[in-house]
Amino acid sequence: QVQLVESGGGLVQAGGSLRLSCAASGNIFRLNIMGWYRQAPGKQRELVATISSGGNRNYADSVKGRFTISRDNAKNTVYLQMNSLKPEDTAVYYCRYSHSTGAYWGQGTQVTVSS
């Protein structure tokens, strides 16, 4: 089992910034992928960004150039720096951890961007 604890959500004005953090604990594999997904009201959950334990990154087109994903392998923690936030970024953001035998989700953190 893997436990994920997220932090850093909140309310921000358009154009502002937020930084999300997600710490993983438990049965952590050396090779894994951590990432962020989001779900807005009435919409399906969608990928925001992922990063592998080797540092390979993947971003949704809608956040490229504005969001940056990073990780600290020693702390099993992934970060999402969100700049130039837009009202359409408003959603619950979920951390996800996956390895060869399973995938786990965090409880979600609300990000609200006001216009």
C-alpha atoms as a PDB file:
ATOM      1  CA  GLN A   1       0.000   0.000   0.000  1.00  0.00           C
ATOM      2  CA  VAL A   2       1.003   3.578  -0.693  1.00  0.00           C
ATOM      3  CA  GLN A   3      -0.380   6.617   1.069  1.00  0.00           C
ATOM      4  CA  LEU A   4      -0.432  10.055  -0.551  1.00  0.00           C
ATOM      5  CA  VAL A   5      -0.810  13.338   1.311  1.00  0.00           C
ATOM      6  CA  GLU A   6      -1.454  16.457  -0.741  1.00  0.00           C
ATOM      7  CA  SER A   7      -1.170  20.086   0.254  1.00  0.00           C
ATOM      8  CA  GLY A   8      -1.047  23.540  -1.259  1.00  0.00           C
ATOM      9  CA  GLY A   9      -4.442  24.136  -2.797  1.00  0.00           C
ATOM     10  CA  GLY A  10      -6.436  27.288  -2.251  1.00  0.00           C
ATOM     11  CA  LEU A  11      -8.035  30.363  -3.751  1.00  0.00           C
ATOM     12  CA  VAL A  12      -6.053  32.633  -6.041  1.00  0.00           C
ATOM     13  CA  GLN A  13      -6.810  35.384  -8.513  1.00  0.00           C
ATOM     14  CA  ALA A  14      -6.300  34.886 -12.219  1.00  0.00           C
ATOM     15  CA  GLY A  15      -2.665  35.364 -13.123  1.00  0.00           C
ATOM     16  CA  GLY A  16      -1.512  34.198  -9.727  1.00  0.00           C
ATOM     17  CA  SER A  17       0.487  31.172  -8.661  1.00  0.00           C
ATOM     18  CA  LEU A  18       0.118  28.162  -6.405  1.00  0.00           C
ATOM     19  CA  ARG A  19       2.375  25.250  -5.553  1.00  0.00           C
ATOM     20  CA  LEU A  20       0.982  21.811  -4.814  1.00  0.00           C
ATOM     21  CA  SER A  21       2.889  19.125  -2.948  1.00  0.00           C
ATOM     22  CA  CYS A  22       2.241  15.406  -2.600  1.00  0.00           C
ATOM     23  CA  ALA A  23       4.209  13.160  -0.280  1.00  0.00           C
ATOM     24  CA  ALA A  24       4.126   9.412  -0.769  1.00  0.00           C
ATOM     25  CA  SER A  25       4.797   6.866   1.946  1.00  0.00           C
ATOM     26  CA  GLY A  26       4.529   3.123   2.391  1.00  0.00           C
ATOM     27  CA  ASN A  27       5.621   0.503  -0.131  1.00  0.00           C
ATOM     28  CA  ILE A  28       7.480   2.815  -2.519  1.00  0.00           C
ATOM     29  CA  PHE A  29       9.157   1.227  -5.525  1.00  0.00           C
ATOM     30  CA  ARG A  30      12.378   2.699  -6.903  1.00  0.00           C
ATOM     31  CA  LEU A  31      10.832   2.882 -10.376  1.00  0.00           C
ATOM     32  CA  ASN A  32       7.576   4.780 -10.305  1.00  0.00           C
ATOM     33  CA  ILE A  33       5.607   7.581 -11.871  1.00  0.00           C
ATOM     34  CA  MET A  34       4.004  10.386  -9.893  1.00  0.00           C
ATOM     35  CA  GLY A  35       1.697  12.982 -11.263  1.00  0.00           C
ATOM     36  CA  TRP A  36      -1.229  15.303 -10.994  1.00  0.00           C
ATOM     37  CA  TYR A  37      -4.704  15.002 -12.426  1.00  0.00           C
ATOM     38  CA  ARG A  38      -7.649  17.326 -12.035  1.00  0.00           C
ATOM     39  CA  GLN A  39     -11.407  17.164 -12.158  1.00  0.00           C
ATOM     40  CA  ALA A  40     -13.647  20.162 -12.641  1.00  0.00           C
ATOM     41  CA  PRO A  41     -17.357  20.033 -11.779  1.00  0.00           C
ATOM     42  CA  GLY A  42     -19.283  18.088 -14.392  1.00  0.00           C
ATOM     43  CA  LYS A  43     -16.142  17.008 -16.206  1.00  0.00           C
ATOM     44  CA  GLN A  44     -14.019  13.890 -16.341  1.00  0.00           C
ATOM     45  CA  ARG A  45     -10.747  13.634 -14.500  1.00  0.00           C
ATOM     46  CA  GLU A  46      -7.885  14.643 -16.770  1.00  0.00           C
ATOM     47  CA  LEU A  47      -4.117  14.422 -16.738  1.00  0.00           C
ATOM     48  CA  VAL A  48      -2.229  17.584 -15.832  1.00  0.00           C
ATOM     49  CA  ALA A  49       1.380  16.408 -15.610  1.00  0.00           C
ATOM     50  CA  THR A  50       3.433  13.355 -14.734  1.00  0.00           C
ATOM     51  CA  ILE A  51       7.062  12.741 -13.886  1.00  0.00           C
ATOM     52  CA  SER A  52       8.893   9.443 -13.674  1.00  0.00           C
ATOM     53  CA  SER A  53      11.457   8.510 -11.070  1.00  0.00           C
ATOM     54  CA  GLY A  54      14.021   9.034 -13.828  1.00  0.00           C
ATOM     55  CA  GLY A  55      12.818  12.584 -14.433  1.00  0.00           C
ATOM     56  CA  ASN A  56      10.818  12.181 -17.642  1.00  0.00           C
ATOM     57  CA  ARG A  57       7.990  14.726 -17.725  1.00  0.00           C
ATOM     58  CA  ASN A  58       4.690  14.828 -19.539  1.00  0.00           C
ATOM     59  CA  TYR A  59       2.246  17.764 -19.627  1.00  0.00           C
ATOM     60  CA  ALA A  60      -1.250  18.377 -20.863  1.00  0.00           C
ATOM     61  CA  ASP A  61      -1.260  20.887 -23.704  1.00  0.00           C
ATOM     62  CA  SER A  62      -3.472  23.205 -21.686  1.00  0.00           C
ATOM     63  CA  VAL A  63      -0.802  23.719 -19.004  1.00  0.00           C
ATOM     64  CA  LYS A  64       2.419  23.655 -21.024  1.00  0.00           C
ATOM     65  CA  GLY A  65       4.485  26.744 -20.370  1.00  0.00           C
ATOM     66  CA  ARG A  66       2.533  27.601 -17.212  1.00  0.00           C
ATOM     67  CA  PHE A  67       2.886  24.565 -14.930  1.00  0.00           C
ATOM     68  CA  THR A  68       6.066  22.792 -13.898  1.00  0.00           C
ATOM     69  CA  ILE A  69       6.209  19.366 -12.292  1.00  0.00           C
ATOM     70  CA  SER A  70       9.204  18.313 -10.224  1.00  0.00           C
ATOM     71  CA  ARG A  71      10.057  15.723  -7.623  1.00  0.00           C
ATOM     72  CA  ASP A  72      12.396  14.962  -4.761  1.00  0.00           C
ATOM     73  CA  ASN A  73      13.092  11.248  -4.841  1.00  0.00           C
ATOM     74  CA  ALA A  74      14.748  11.303  -1.425  1.00  0.00           C
ATOM     75  CA  LYS A  75      11.483  12.600   0.057  1.00  0.00           C
ATOM     76  CA  ASN A  76       9.155  10.683  -2.290  1.00  0.00           C
ATOM     77  CA  THR A  77       7.472  13.992  -2.959  1.00  0.00           C
ATOM     78  CA  VAL A  78       6.146  15.508  -6.154  1.00  0.00           C
ATOM     79  CA  TYR A  79       5.446  19.186  -6.686  1.00  0.00           C
ATOM     80  CA  LEU A  80       3.348  21.138  -9.154  1.00  0.00           C
ATOM     81  CA  GLN A  81       4.238  24.797  -9.593  1.00  0.00           C
ATOM     82  CA  MET A  82       1.297  26.521 -11.230  1.00  0.00           C
ATOM     83  CA  ASN A  83       1.842  29.991 -12.693  1.00  0.00           C
ATOM     84  CA  SER A  84      -0.363  32.284 -14.761  1.00  0.00           C
ATOM     85  CA  LEU A  85      -3.420  30.539 -13.407  1.00  0.00           C
ATOM     86  CA  LYS A  86      -6.696  30.887 -15.283  1.00  0.00           C
ATOM     87  CA  PRO A  87     -10.290  30.449 -14.100  1.00  0.00           C
ATOM     88  CA  GLU A  88     -10.473  27.301 -16.228  1.00  0.00           C
ATOM     89  CA  ASP A  89      -7.771  25.751 -14.039  1.00  0.00           C
ATOM     90  CA  THR A  90     -10.315  25.597 -11.218  1.00  0.00           C
ATOM     91  CA  ALA A  91     -10.696  21.964 -10.180  1.00  0.00           C
ATOM     92  CA  VAL A  92      -9.916  19.395  -7.550  1.00  0.00           C
ATOM     93  CA  TYR A  93      -6.333  18.322  -8.116  1.00  0.00           C
ATOM     94  CA  TYR A  94      -5.409  14.730  -7.368  1.00  0.00           C
ATOM     95  CA  CYS A  95      -1.975  13.262  -6.868  1.00  0.00           C
ATOM     96  CA  ARG A  96      -1.347   9.853  -8.377  1.00  0.00           C
ATOM     97  CA  TYR A  97       1.444   7.366  -7.739  1.00  0.00           C
ATOM     98  CA  SER A  98       1.970   4.265  -9.844  1.00  0.00           C
ATOM     99  CA  HIS A  99       4.486   1.452 -10.035  1.00  0.00           C
ATOM    100  CA  SER A 100       4.636  -1.948 -11.658  1.00  0.00           C
ATOM    101  CA  THR A 101       1.977  -3.546  -9.487  1.00  0.00           C
ATOM    102  CA  GLY A 102      -0.491  -0.791  -8.715  1.00  0.00           C
ATOM    103  CA  ALA A 103      -1.664   2.809  -8.709  1.00  0.00           C
ATOM    104  CA  TYR A 104      -2.824   5.009  -5.861  1.00  0.00           C
ATOM    105  CA  TRP A 105      -4.644   8.316  -5.563  1.00  0.00           C
ATOM    106  CA  GLY A 106      -4.531  11.123  -3.055  1.00  0.00           C
ATOM    107  CA  GLN A 107      -7.639  12.600  -1.487  1.00  0.00           C
ATOM    108  CA  GLY A 108      -7.562  15.699  -3.694  1.00  0.00           C
ATOM    109  CA  THR A 109      -7.000  19.377  -3.028  1.00  0.00           C
ATOM    110  CA  GLN A 110      -9.208  22.186  -4.282  1.00  0.00           C
ATOM    111  CA  VAL A 111      -7.746  24.886  -6.505  1.00  0.00           C
ATOM    112  CA  THR A 112     -10.014  27.829  -7.246  1.00  0.00           C
ATOM    113  CA  VAL A 113      -8.999  30.627  -9.596  1.00  0.00           C
ATOM    114  CA  SER A 114     -11.156  33.742  -9.522  1.00  0.00           C
ATOM    115  CA  SER A 115     -11.485  36.066 -12.487  1.00  0.00           C
END
